[in-house]
Amino acid sequence: MKHNISSVFRFCRISTFVAIGLGTYTQAVELTLNDVLRSTRAQAPKILMAAQKIVMSQEKMRSATGSFDSKLSVDYYNRDSDTYSSRYLKGKIEKPLQLLNSKIYGGYKVSDGNFPGYEGKNVTLDDGELMAGISVALLRNRSIDAKRLKLGLSELSLEKSQWQQKEVLMKLQKEATVAYWNWVSLGQKEKVALGLLELAEKRQVGFKRRIKKGDLAGIYAVENKQYIVKRMTKSRKLSAQMKMAALYLSLFYRDDKGNPIVAGESALPSLKTMESLSWEQKQFNIDKLLKENFSLRSLQVEVAGLEKRNEFLDSRFLPELRLNYEYNRDRGDGSKTLKGNDHKIYVGFNIPIERNKIKGDLALNKANIRLTQHKMRLKADSLRVKLSQLSIKLAAAKDIMKNTQQEVELGEQLEEGER
């Protein structure tokens, strides 16, 4: 018995030192559940981590849109030799578009001097040549290509991270609520235990006085001393448990800088405050809750991304057919063959012959879709069972509260009798 009591005292001292190291909440203002939840939403590291994942997803999406950024290219060279002496400058602006995987471009080039025959395309009139063109995909890459797939997946990734943040917030607030009421209940139990200990100690004083007068046997003082030791042990254990609960609560309750706050006994809500809280059993629609569940919505977004990838892989079986149109016009003096308007049409055709890679990637992706759908089914079934169990627990909790109230009233009668 002495060993157990000394162990409890030793643990209480250690817990107190740890609490002082973290910073103890000593204000007399009662700590409410709303204070804890508000702090959790604002400062909990898990919430801040989820917020940063959203920022990362946003930046990935911005990076994906960069595939459709305009770009400027400039080429220049200067040849100085005994046979050919020439200069050439070309500038071109190109803008990729999402529609039909097309791109438009325009540019200008100018040259002077002598060019060998194989560089005849570099020759321009003295005022240079203007050009403009457009290129479109007609079969493969027409509706979806690697750039649009990356952009679409980045948009879905952002949506998924937003659902995941809501799920993290929901779970964390649930944990914070449980931690708060565990701390409150242990604090109130400790007060009751200290009150019972105080009663036993006062009774011991009365017993000793009566024993000294000779109107009470000494065994009553021994028996009451046993009660004192038991109640002292219980109060010390509850004190240690409350300190541990306060330490755990500090993971959710933090100051404006995010530092954990260890709530002290002075922050405990009073019984009067707790009795004023209203409790009401709410009816809920399980199907509606499943439809709005954050983890299921996150899995739905994951399936949507796999289906988009499926669309892309399926389009790889199509041949690639690309149509380009370009307009050129030289200005100024020079060779007569360069004067006038040029209209050029290019057609490029490419067809995959062996399709093992495409078939393998597509089959793998479809299997991944089925796997994720099974995950969704399992998750939905598990949630449905848990929600049904919760409904039963809530119904039982109402009856338990009535019984607990009766126990409290009987306990008060016993306390009065002991006094």
Protein backbone atom coordinates (compact mmCIF):
# COMPACT_ATOMS: atom_id res chain seq x y z
CA MET A 1 0.00 0.00 0.00
CA LYS A 2 2.78 2.41 0.96
CA HIS A 3 4.61 1.52 -2.24
CA ASN A 4 1.53 2.27 -4.38
CA ILE A 5 0.89 5.59 -2.67
CA SER A 6 4.53 6.69 -3.02
CA SER A 7 4.44 5.71 -6.71
CA VAL A 8 1.37 7.84 -7.25
CA PHE A 9 2.96 10.80 -5.45
CA ARG A 10 6.11 10.41 -7.57
CA PHE A 11 4.08 10.35 -10.81
CA CYS A 12 2.11 13.45 -9.76
CA ARG A 13 5.38 15.35 -9.21
CA ILE A 14 6.69 14.28 -12.64
CA SER A 15 3.40 15.28 -14.34
CA THR A 16 3.52 18.65 -12.59
CA PHE A 17 7.09 19.31 -13.81
CA VAL A 18 6.08 18.37 -17.39
CA ALA A 19 3.03 20.63 -17.21
CA ILE A 20 5.17 23.54 -15.98
CA GLY A 21 7.58 22.93 -18.87
CA LEU A 22 4.79 23.14 -21.44
CA GLY A 23 3.18 26.19 -19.84
CA THR A 24 0.18 25.79 -17.53
CA TYR A 25 -3.13 27.50 -18.04
CA THR A 26 -3.73 29.34 -14.76
CA GLN A 27 -6.52 31.80 -15.57
CA ALA A 28 -9.67 31.53 -13.50
CA VAL A 29 -11.86 31.77 -16.59
CA GLU A 30 -13.65 28.53 -17.33
CA LEU A 31 -12.40 26.70 -20.40
CA THR A 32 -15.27 25.83 -22.75
CA LEU A 33 -15.48 23.27 -25.51
CA ASN A 34 -15.90 26.09 -28.05
CA ASP A 35 -12.55 27.55 -26.90
CA VAL A 36 -10.85 24.22 -27.58
CA LEU A 37 -12.53 23.67 -30.95
CA ARG A 38 -11.77 27.23 -32.06
CA SER A 39 -8.12 26.76 -31.13
CA THR A 40 -8.03 23.39 -32.91
CA ARG A 41 -9.37 24.88 -36.14
CA ALA A 42 -6.88 27.73 -36.05
CA GLN A 43 -3.66 26.22 -34.70
CA ALA A 44 -3.67 22.41 -34.79
CA PRO A 45 -0.63 21.22 -36.82
CA LYS A 46 -2.71 18.61 -38.66
CA ILE A 47 -5.09 21.34 -39.86
CA LEU A 48 -2.19 23.53 -40.92
CA MET A 49 -0.62 20.56 -42.74
CA ALA A 50 -3.88 19.90 -44.60
CA ALA A 51 -4.06 23.59 -45.54
CA GLN A 52 -0.54 23.42 -46.95
CA LYS A 53 -1.51 20.38 -49.02
CA ILE A 54 -4.26 22.50 -50.57
CA VAL A 55 -1.71 25.21 -51.36
CA MET A 56 0.55 22.58 -52.94
CA SER A 57 -2.35 21.28 -55.05
CA GLN A 58 -3.15 24.82 -56.17
CA GLU A 59 0.44 25.38 -57.24
CA LYS A 60 0.50 22.03 -59.08
CA MET A 61 -2.60 23.12 -60.97
CA ARG A 62 -0.97 26.44 -61.83
CA SER A 63 2.09 24.53 -63.00
CA ALA A 64 -0.15 22.35 -65.21
CA THR A 65 -1.73 25.42 -66.79
CA GLY A 66 1.82 26.47 -67.72
CA SER A 67 1.67 23.90 -70.53
CA PHE A 68 -0.56 26.39 -72.32
CA ASP A 69 1.65 29.43 -71.73
CA SER A 70 2.76 31.47 -74.72
CA LYS A 71 6.42 31.31 -75.62
CA LEU A 72 8.79 33.42 -77.69
CA SER A 73 11.67 31.93 -79.65
CA VAL A 74 14.40 33.91 -81.43
CA ASP A 75 17.05 32.55 -83.85
CA TYR A 76 19.98 34.54 -85.20
CA TYR A 77 23.16 33.68 -86.99
CA ASN A 78 25.84 35.54 -88.90
CA ARG A 79 27.96 33.77 -91.54
CA ASP A 80 31.18 35.34 -92.79
CA SER A 81 33.14 33.24 -95.33
CA ASP A 82 34.80 33.59 -98.70
CA THR A 83 31.87 31.96 -100.50
CA TYR A 84 28.84 33.02 -98.49
CA SER A 85 28.33 36.06 -96.30
CA SER A 86 24.88 36.38 -94.76
CA ARG A 87 22.84 37.24 -91.68
CA TYR A 88 19.54 35.82 -90.50
CA LEU A 89 17.09 36.77 -87.73
CA LYS A 90 13.80 35.03 -86.90
CA GLY A 91 11.33 35.66 -84.07
CA LYS A 92 8.24 33.55 -83.38
CA ILE A 93 5.45 33.66 -80.77
CA GLU A 94 3.47 30.45 -80.15
CA LYS A 95 0.33 29.97 -78.06
CA PRO A 96 -0.99 26.44 -77.29
CA LEU A 97 -4.78 26.13 -76.90
CA GLN A 98 -6.91 23.47 -75.22
CA LEU A 99 -9.47 23.33 -78.04
CA LEU A 100 -8.56 20.45 -80.41
CA ASN A 101 -5.05 20.46 -78.93
CA SER A 102 -4.38 23.33 -81.30
CA LYS A 103 -1.76 26.04 -81.34
CA ILE A 104 -1.52 29.37 -83.13
CA TYR A 105 1.66 31.16 -83.94
CA GLY A 106 2.98 34.22 -85.68
CA GLY A 107 6.40 35.55 -86.46
CA TYR A 108 8.80 37.59 -88.52
CA LYS A 109 12.11 36.83 -90.18
CA VAL A 110 14.57 38.90 -92.15
CA SER A 111 17.87 38.12 -93.85
CA ASP A 112 20.44 39.60 -96.19
CA GLY A 113 23.51 38.35 -97.99
CA ASN A 114 24.23 35.17 -99.90
CA PHE A 115 22.91 31.76 -98.78
CA PRO A 116 23.76 28.31 -100.13
CA GLY A 117 20.94 26.55 -101.99
CA TYR A 118 20.09 24.20 -99.13
CA GLU A 119 19.34 27.28 -96.96
CA GLY A 120 17.04 28.89 -99.49
CA LYS A 121 14.14 29.01 -96.99
CA ASN A 122 16.08 31.62 -95.03
CA VAL A 123 16.10 34.11 -97.90
CA THR A 124 13.65 37.04 -97.55
CA LEU A 125 13.00 40.36 -99.20
CA ASP A 126 14.77 43.30 -97.65
CA ASP A 127 11.77 44.22 -95.42
CA GLY A 128 11.46 40.69 -94.13
CA GLU A 129 8.73 38.09 -94.10
CA LEU A 130 5.60 37.91 -91.93
CA MET A 131 4.06 34.55 -91.08
CA ALA A 132 1.06 33.21 -89.14
CA GLY A 133 -0.32 29.71 -88.73
CA ILE A 134 -2.52 27.29 -86.87
CA SER A 135 -2.16 23.58 -86.08
CA VAL A 136 -4.98 21.26 -84.94
CA ALA A 137 -5.30 17.59 -83.98
CA LEU A 138 -8.09 15.71 -85.76
CA LEU A 139 -7.94 12.20 -84.22
CA ARG A 140 -5.56 11.30 -81.40
CA ASN A 141 -5.08 14.17 -78.91
CA ARG A 142 -8.18 15.91 -80.27
CA SER A 143 -10.34 15.59 -77.14
CA ILE A 144 -7.62 14.85 -74.59
CA ASP A 145 -3.83 14.80 -74.58
CA ALA A 146 -1.04 14.60 -72.01
CA LYS A 147 -1.19 18.33 -71.20
CA ARG A 148 -4.96 18.41 -70.67
CA LEU A 149 -4.79 15.16 -68.71
CA LYS A 150 -2.22 16.69 -66.36
CA LEU A 151 -4.35 19.81 -65.94
CA GLY A 152 -7.52 17.80 -65.31
CA LEU A 153 -5.79 15.57 -62.76
CA SER A 154 -4.36 18.60 -60.97
CA GLU A 155 -7.86 20.10 -60.68
CA LEU A 156 -9.17 16.84 -59.22
CA SER A 157 -6.17 16.66 -56.89
CA LEU A 158 -7.09 20.10 -55.55
CA GLU A 159 -10.68 19.01 -54.97
CA LYS A 160 -9.50 15.83 -53.24
CA SER A 161 -7.18 17.74 -50.92
CA GLN A 162 -10.07 20.05 -49.99
CA TRP A 163 -12.26 17.07 -49.03
CA GLN A 164 -9.35 15.56 -47.11
CA GLN A 165 -8.87 18.81 -45.18
CA LYS A 166 -12.54 18.73 -44.15
CA GLU A 167 -12.17 15.12 -43.07
CA VAL A 168 -9.06 15.93 -41.01
CA LEU A 169 -10.91 18.84 -39.38
CA MET A 170 -13.91 16.68 -38.56
CA LYS A 171 -11.80 13.89 -37.02
CA LEU A 172 -9.62 16.33 -35.11
CA GLN A 173 -12.59 18.16 -33.63
CA LYS A 174 -14.04 14.82 -32.58
CA GLU A 175 -10.75 13.93 -30.84
CA ALA A 176 -10.62 17.39 -29.26
CA THR A 177 -14.19 17.00 -27.96
CA VAL A 178 -13.42 13.61 -26.40
CA ALA A 179 -10.18 14.97 -24.87
CA TYR A 180 -11.99 17.98 -23.44
CA TRP A 181 -14.80 16.01 -21.74
CA ASN A 182 -12.35 13.41 -20.47
CA TRP A 183 -10.38 16.20 -18.80
CA VAL A 184 -13.57 17.75 -17.38
CA SER A 185 -14.91 14.43 -16.05
CA LEU A 186 -11.60 13.52 -14.40
CA GLY A 187 -11.40 16.99 -12.86
CA GLN A 188 -14.88 16.70 -11.39
CA LYS A 189 -14.14 13.15 -10.13
CA GLU A 190 -11.01 14.47 -8.43
CA LYS A 191 -13.05 17.15 -6.64
CA VAL A 192 -15.52 14.53 -5.43
CA ALA A 193 -12.68 12.29 -4.25
CA LEU A 194 -11.06 15.19 -2.37
CA GLY A 195 -14.41 16.00 -0.75
CA LEU A 196 -14.84 12.41 0.41
CA LEU A 197 -11.27 12.39 1.73
CA GLU A 198 -11.94 15.60 3.65
CA LEU A 199 -15.07 14.03 5.18
CA ALA A 200 -13.16 10.94 6.30
CA GLU A 201 -10.41 13.09 7.86
CA LYS A 202 -12.94 15.19 9.78
CA ARG A 203 -14.68 12.04 10.94
CA GLN A 204 -11.33 10.70 12.17
CA VAL A 205 -10.95 13.75 14.41
CA GLY A 206 -14.39 13.06 15.92
CA PHE A 207 -13.62 9.37 16.40
CA LYS A 208 -10.39 10.15 18.27
CA ARG A 209 -12.23 12.58 20.54
CA ARG A 210 -14.90 9.98 21.41
CA ILE A 211 -12.33 7.20 21.86
CA LYS A 212 -10.41 9.45 24.24
CA LYS A 213 -13.61 9.98 26.26
CA GLY A 214 -14.15 6.22 26.30
CA ASP A 215 -17.56 6.09 24.60
CA LEU A 216 -16.27 4.52 21.31
CA ALA A 217 -14.09 1.49 20.59
CA GLY A 218 -10.66 2.16 19.06
CA ILE A 219 -11.36 -0.19 16.13
CA TYR A 220 -13.60 2.45 14.57
CA ALA A 221 -10.64 4.83 14.23
CA VAL A 222 -8.56 2.05 12.63
CA GLU A 223 -11.34 1.24 10.19
CA ASN A 224 -11.82 4.91 9.29
CA LYS A 225 -8.06 5.28 8.83
CA GLN A 226 -8.29 2.52 6.24
CA TYR A 227 -10.98 4.55 4.43
CA ILE A 228 -8.72 7.62 4.53
CA VAL A 229 -5.81 5.73 2.94
CA LYS A 230 -8.07 4.31 0.21
CA ARG A 231 -9.64 7.69 -0.55
CA MET A 232 -6.22 9.37 -0.53
CA THR A 233 -4.92 6.81 -3.03
CA LYS A 234 -7.97 7.31 -5.26
CA SER A 235 -7.70 11.10 -5.16
CA ARG A 236 -3.98 10.95 -6.05
CA LYS A 237 -4.67 8.61 -8.95
CA LEU A 238 -7.43 10.89 -10.22
CA SER A 239 -5.11 13.89 -9.86
CA ALA A 240 -2.47 12.13 -11.98
CA GLN A 241 -5.07 11.08 -14.56
CA MET A 242 -6.39 14.62 -14.78
CA LYS A 243 -2.89 16.01 -15.35
CA MET A 244 -2.33 13.45 -18.10
CA ALA A 245 -5.69 14.38 -19.64
CA ALA A 246 -4.68 18.06 -19.52
CA LEU A 247 -1.43 17.24 -21.30
CA TYR A 248 -3.32 15.38 -24.03
CA LEU A 249 -5.83 18.22 -24.31
CA SER A 250 -2.93 20.62 -24.95
CA LEU A 251 -2.45 18.95 -28.34
CA PHE A 252 -5.72 20.63 -29.34
CA TYR A 253 -5.80 23.72 -27.12
CA ARG A 254 -3.07 26.18 -28.15
CA ASP A 255 -2.23 29.86 -27.95
CA ASP A 256 -2.11 32.31 -30.87
CA LYS A 257 1.42 31.16 -31.72
CA GLY A 258 0.46 27.49 -31.81
CA ASN A 259 2.13 26.58 -28.50
CA PRO A 260 0.29 23.93 -26.43
CA ILE A 261 -1.57 25.19 -23.33
CA VAL A 262 -1.93 22.83 -20.38
CA ALA A 263 -5.25 23.65 -18.72
CA GLY A 264 -5.16 23.94 -14.92
CA GLU A 265 -7.83 23.06 -12.37
CA SER A 266 -8.99 26.68 -12.19
CA ALA A 267 -10.14 26.39 -15.84
CA LEU A 268 -12.52 23.52 -15.10
CA PRO A 269 -16.15 24.35 -15.84
CA SER A 270 -18.38 24.25 -12.78
CA LEU A 271 -21.16 21.73 -12.27
CA LYS A 272 -23.64 24.57 -12.61
CA THR A 273 -22.23 25.42 -16.05
CA MET A 274 -22.32 21.78 -17.12
CA GLU A 275 -25.91 21.34 -15.92
CA SER A 276 -26.98 24.35 -17.98
CA LEU A 277 -25.79 22.66 -21.19
CA SER A 278 -28.67 21.28 -23.21
CA TRP A 279 -28.47 17.78 -24.62
CA GLU A 280 -30.82 16.61 -27.29
CA GLN A 281 -30.92 13.39 -29.25
CA LYS A 282 -30.93 14.27 -32.93
CA GLN A 283 -32.40 12.15 -35.65
CA PHE A 284 -30.19 11.75 -38.71
CA ASN A 285 -30.59 10.32 -42.19
CA ILE A 286 -27.91 7.69 -42.76
CA ASP A 287 -28.19 7.80 -46.58
CA LYS A 288 -27.79 11.59 -46.55
CA LEU A 289 -24.79 11.40 -44.24
CA LEU A 290 -23.13 8.79 -46.47
CA LYS A 291 -23.71 10.97 -49.50
CA GLU A 292 -22.01 13.90 -47.76
CA ASN A 293 -19.20 11.92 -46.13
CA PHE A 294 -15.83 13.56 -46.74
CA SER A 295 -13.80 10.36 -47.12
CA LEU A 296 -16.30 8.93 -49.63
CA ARG A 297 -16.27 12.21 -51.58
CA SER A 298 -12.48 12.01 -51.66
CA LEU A 299 -12.66 8.47 -53.09
CA GLN A 300 -15.20 9.64 -55.67
CA VAL A 301 -12.73 12.29 -56.84
CA GLU A 302 -10.05 9.60 -57.03
CA VAL A 303 -12.30 7.49 -59.28
CA ALA A 304 -12.98 10.55 -61.46
CA GLY A 305 -9.22 10.99 -61.94
CA LEU A 306 -8.81 7.34 -62.92
CA GLU A 307 -11.69 7.64 -65.40
CA LYS A 308 -10.05 10.69 -66.96
CA ARG A 309 -6.81 8.75 -67.28
CA ASN A 310 -8.85 5.92 -68.81
CA GLU A 311 -10.21 8.33 -71.41
CA PHE A 312 -6.67 9.41 -72.27
CA LEU A 313 -5.33 5.85 -72.56
CA ASP A 314 -8.30 4.78 -74.68
CA SER A 315 -7.58 7.61 -77.12
CA ARG A 316 -4.04 6.25 -77.68
CA PHE A 317 -5.48 3.60 -80.03
CA LEU A 318 -6.43 6.33 -82.51
CA PRO A 319 -3.98 7.31 -85.25
CA GLU A 320 -2.45 10.75 -84.99
CA LEU A 321 -3.71 13.10 -87.70
CA ARG A 322 -2.56 16.70 -87.53
CA LEU A 323 -3.46 19.56 -89.85
CA ASN A 324 -1.32 22.70 -90.14
CA TYR A 325 -2.05 25.85 -92.06
CA GLU A 326 0.51 28.63 -92.50
CA TYR A 327 0.41 32.01 -94.23
CA ASN A 328 3.58 33.81 -95.37
CA ARG A 329 4.11 37.18 -96.99
CA ASP A 330 7.44 38.82 -97.93
CA ARG A 331 7.76 42.60 -98.13
CA GLY A 332 10.27 44.88 -99.83
CA ASP A 333 12.62 44.48 -102.76
CA GLY A 334 14.51 41.43 -103.85
CA SER A 335 13.90 38.20 -105.75
CA LYS A 336 10.62 38.15 -107.69
CA THR A 337 10.05 34.54 -106.67
CA LEU A 338 9.58 35.65 -103.07
CA LYS A 339 6.89 38.23 -103.78
CA GLY A 340 3.20 37.50 -103.22
CA ASN A 341 1.21 35.51 -100.66
CA ASP A 342 1.99 31.91 -99.67
CA HIS A 343 -0.65 29.54 -98.27
CA LYS A 344 0.76 26.26 -96.99
CA ILE A 345 -1.13 23.21 -95.74
CA TYR A 346 0.64 20.36 -93.97
CA VAL A 347 -0.90 17.02 -93.01
CA GLY A 348 0.89 14.61 -90.67
CA PHE A 349 -0.31 11.02 -90.07
CA ASN A 350 1.00 8.54 -87.50
CA ILE A 351 -0.57 5.20 -86.55
CA PRO A 352 0.49 2.80 -83.76
CA ILE A 353 1.05 -0.73 -85.09
CA GLU A 354 1.95 -2.71 -81.97
CA ARG A 355 -0.26 -1.74 -79.05
CA ASN A 356 0.93 -3.87 -76.15
CA LYS A 357 1.94 -0.91 -74.00
CA ILE A 358 -1.37 0.89 -74.60
CA LYS A 359 -3.40 -2.25 -73.84
CA GLY A 360 -1.40 -3.01 -70.70
CA ASP A 361 -1.67 0.54 -69.34
CA LEU A 362 -5.41 0.65 -70.08
CA ALA A 363 -6.12 -2.72 -68.44
CA LEU A 364 -4.07 -1.72 -65.39
CA ASN A 365 -5.97 1.54 -65.05
CA LYS A 366 -9.36 -0.21 -65.34
CA ALA A 367 -8.31 -2.64 -62.62
CA ASN A 368 -7.36 0.35 -60.45
CA ILE A 369 -10.83 1.82 -61.02
CA ARG A 370 -12.49 -1.40 -59.89
CA LEU A 371 -10.19 -1.57 -56.85
CA THR A 372 -11.10 1.98 -55.80
CA GLN A 373 -14.81 1.28 -56.30
CA HIS A 374 -14.50 -1.74 -53.99
CA LYS A 375 -12.81 0.53 -51.43
CA MET A 376 -15.75 2.91 -51.70
CA ARG A 377 -18.24 0.08 -51.18
CA LEU A 378 -16.36 -1.21 -48.14
CA LYS A 379 -16.08 2.32 -46.71
CA ALA A 380 -19.78 3.01 -47.25
CA ASP A 381 -20.82 -0.29 -45.63
CA SER A 382 -18.53 0.34 -42.65
CA LEU A 383 -19.87 3.86 -42.19
CA ARG A 384 -23.46 2.65 -42.42
CA VAL A 385 -22.81 0.11 -39.64
CA LYS A 386 -21.03 2.69 -37.45
CA LEU A 387 -23.83 5.22 -37.91
CA SER A 388 -26.43 2.59 -37.03
CA GLN A 389 -24.42 1.67 -33.92
CA LEU A 390 -24.15 5.35 -33.01
CA SER A 391 -27.92 5.72 -33.26
CA ILE A 392 -28.34 2.84 -30.79
CA LYS A 393 -25.74 4.32 -28.43
CA LEU A 394 -27.45 7.72 -28.48
CA ALA A 395 -30.78 6.13 -27.60
CA ALA A 396 -29.14 4.23 -24.74
CA ALA A 397 -27.27 7.33 -23.56
CA LYS A 398 -30.56 9.08 -22.86
CA ASP A 399 -31.59 6.33 -20.43
CA ILE A 400 -28.10 6.19 -18.91
CA MET A 401 -28.27 9.92 -18.19
CA LYS A 402 -31.51 9.43 -16.24
CA ASN A 403 -29.96 6.60 -14.22
CA THR A 404 -26.84 8.68 -13.61
CA GLN A 405 -28.95 11.52 -12.28
CA GLN A 406 -30.54 9.13 -9.80
CA GLU A 407 -27.10 7.87 -8.75
CA VAL A 408 -26.02 11.46 -8.12
CA GLU A 409 -29.07 12.10 -5.93
CA LEU A 410 -28.42 8.91 -3.93
CA GLY A 411 -24.76 9.84 -3.60
CA GLU A 412 -25.71 13.25 -2.21
CA GLN A 413 -27.93 11.53 0.37
CA LEU A 414 -25.06 9.24 1.40
CA GLU A 415 -22.71 12.22 1.65
CA GLU A 416 -25.17 14.04 3.87
CA GLY A 417 -25.52 10.98 6.08
CA GLU A 418 -21.72 10.70 6.37
CA ARG A 419 -21.49 14.35 7.35
